[in-house]
Amino acid sequence: MYFTGIIIAVCTFLAIGIWHPIVIKTEYYWGTRPWVLYLIVGLACIVGALFIENAIISSIVGVFGASALWGIGELFAQKKRVEKGWFPKNPNRKY
């Protein structure tokens, strides 16, 4: 039996699950300013995945990079959710 697809699927699920709270905490503490860091991490992972020979590891790194890039949009969407009152504002941060 081949478990490659299952391993990649589970790691994709975990990557998305990891990035969700990271985006929420990032917006809470720093706002949308760190979007550039998300861009750097995402692009670095995607480029790095191009040079990894192992299909499973390459896929995992690529999915993590794509999740970081997707996180940029989610970071700005989270800002709007906070403005609507769906998530709490950080009282110690200037808006």
Protein backbone atom coordinates (compact mmCIF):
# COMPACT_ATOMS: atom_id res chain seq x y z
CA MET A 1 0.00 0.00 0.00
CA TYR A 2 1.09 3.57 -0.71
CA PHE A 3 0.52 6.20 1.94
CA THR A 4 1.93 9.22 0.09
CA GLY A 5 -1.46 10.78 -0.66
CA ILE A 6 -2.74 10.26 2.88
CA ILE A 7 0.43 11.74 4.38
CA ILE A 8 0.21 14.80 2.15
CA ALA A 9 -3.51 15.21 2.93
CA VAL A 10 -2.95 15.03 6.68
CA CYS A 11 -0.04 17.48 6.49
CA THR A 12 -2.15 19.87 4.38
CA PHE A 13 -4.90 19.72 6.98
CA LEU A 14 -2.36 20.40 9.74
CA ALA A 15 -0.73 23.29 7.84
CA ILE A 16 -4.09 24.99 7.40
CA GLY A 17 -4.90 24.30 11.04
CA ILE A 18 -1.59 25.80 12.14
CA TRP A 19 -1.94 28.95 10.04
CA HIS A 20 -5.48 29.75 11.22
CA PRO A 21 -4.54 30.67 14.82
CA ILE A 22 -1.27 32.25 13.64
CA VAL A 23 -3.24 34.68 11.47
CA ILE A 24 -5.62 35.52 14.32
CA LYS A 25 -2.81 36.12 16.83
CA THR A 26 -0.75 38.10 14.30
CA GLU A 27 -3.63 40.49 13.63
CA TYR A 28 -4.39 40.80 17.34
CA TYR A 29 -0.84 41.73 18.37
CA TRP A 30 0.64 43.41 15.27
CA GLY A 31 -2.19 44.16 12.84
CA THR A 32 -1.57 43.62 9.15
CA ARG A 33 2.02 44.91 9.12
CA PRO A 34 3.63 41.42 9.17
CA TRP A 35 2.09 40.51 5.79
CA VAL A 36 5.55 40.95 4.26
CA LEU A 37 6.90 38.24 6.58
CA TYR A 38 4.11 35.93 5.39
CA LEU A 39 5.13 36.70 1.80
CA ILE A 40 8.80 35.95 2.46
CA VAL A 41 8.03 32.67 4.27
CA GLY A 42 5.56 31.61 1.58
CA LEU A 43 7.84 32.34 -1.35
CA ALA A 44 10.85 30.78 0.38
CA CYS A 45 8.91 27.57 1.04
CA ILE A 46 7.58 27.37 -2.50
CA VAL A 47 11.01 27.97 -4.03
CA GLY A 48 12.54 25.53 -1.55
CA ALA A 49 9.99 22.89 -2.52
CA LEU A 50 11.27 23.09 -6.09
CA PHE A 51 14.66 21.83 -4.95
CA ILE A 52 13.55 19.01 -2.64
CA GLU A 53 13.72 15.64 -4.34
CA ASN A 54 11.50 13.73 -1.91
CA ALA A 55 7.91 14.05 -3.12
CA ILE A 56 6.33 13.95 0.33
CA ILE A 57 8.63 16.54 1.90
CA SER A 58 8.48 18.74 -1.19
CA SER A 59 4.68 18.64 -1.10
CA ILE A 60 4.55 19.46 2.59
CA VAL A 61 6.92 22.41 2.22
CA GLY A 62 4.98 23.66 -0.82
CA VAL A 63 1.65 23.38 0.99
CA PHE A 64 3.09 25.22 3.98
CA GLY A 65 4.29 27.99 1.65
CA ALA A 66 0.95 28.20 -0.11
CA SER A 67 -0.77 28.40 3.27
CA ALA A 68 1.52 31.27 4.26
CA LEU A 69 0.62 33.12 1.06
CA TRP A 70 -3.07 32.43 1.63
CA GLY A 71 -2.56 33.81 5.14
CA ILE A 72 -1.84 37.25 3.67
CA GLY A 73 -5.40 37.53 2.42
CA GLU A 74 -6.74 36.05 5.64
CA LEU A 75 -4.76 38.59 7.65
CA PHE A 76 -6.55 41.46 5.92
CA ALA A 77 -9.87 39.61 6.17
CA GLN A 78 -9.24 39.15 9.89
CA LYS A 79 -8.75 42.91 10.21
CA LYS A 80 -12.22 43.39 8.71
CA ARG A 81 -13.69 40.75 11.04
CA VAL A 82 -12.23 42.62 14.02
CA GLU A 83 -13.68 45.90 12.72
CA LYS A 84 -17.11 44.24 12.48
CA GLY A 85 -16.78 43.07 16.08
CA TRP A 86 -16.62 39.37 15.29
CA PHE A 87 -13.22 39.09 17.02
CA PRO A 88 -11.87 41.14 19.96
CA LYS A 89 -9.64 44.18 19.48
CA ASN A 90 -6.36 44.34 21.33
CA PRO A 91 -6.83 47.16 23.88
CA ASN A 92 -3.06 47.70 24.11
CA ARG A 93 -2.56 48.35 20.38
CA LYS A 94 -3.08 51.62 18.51
CA TYR A 95 -5.44 51.33 15.54
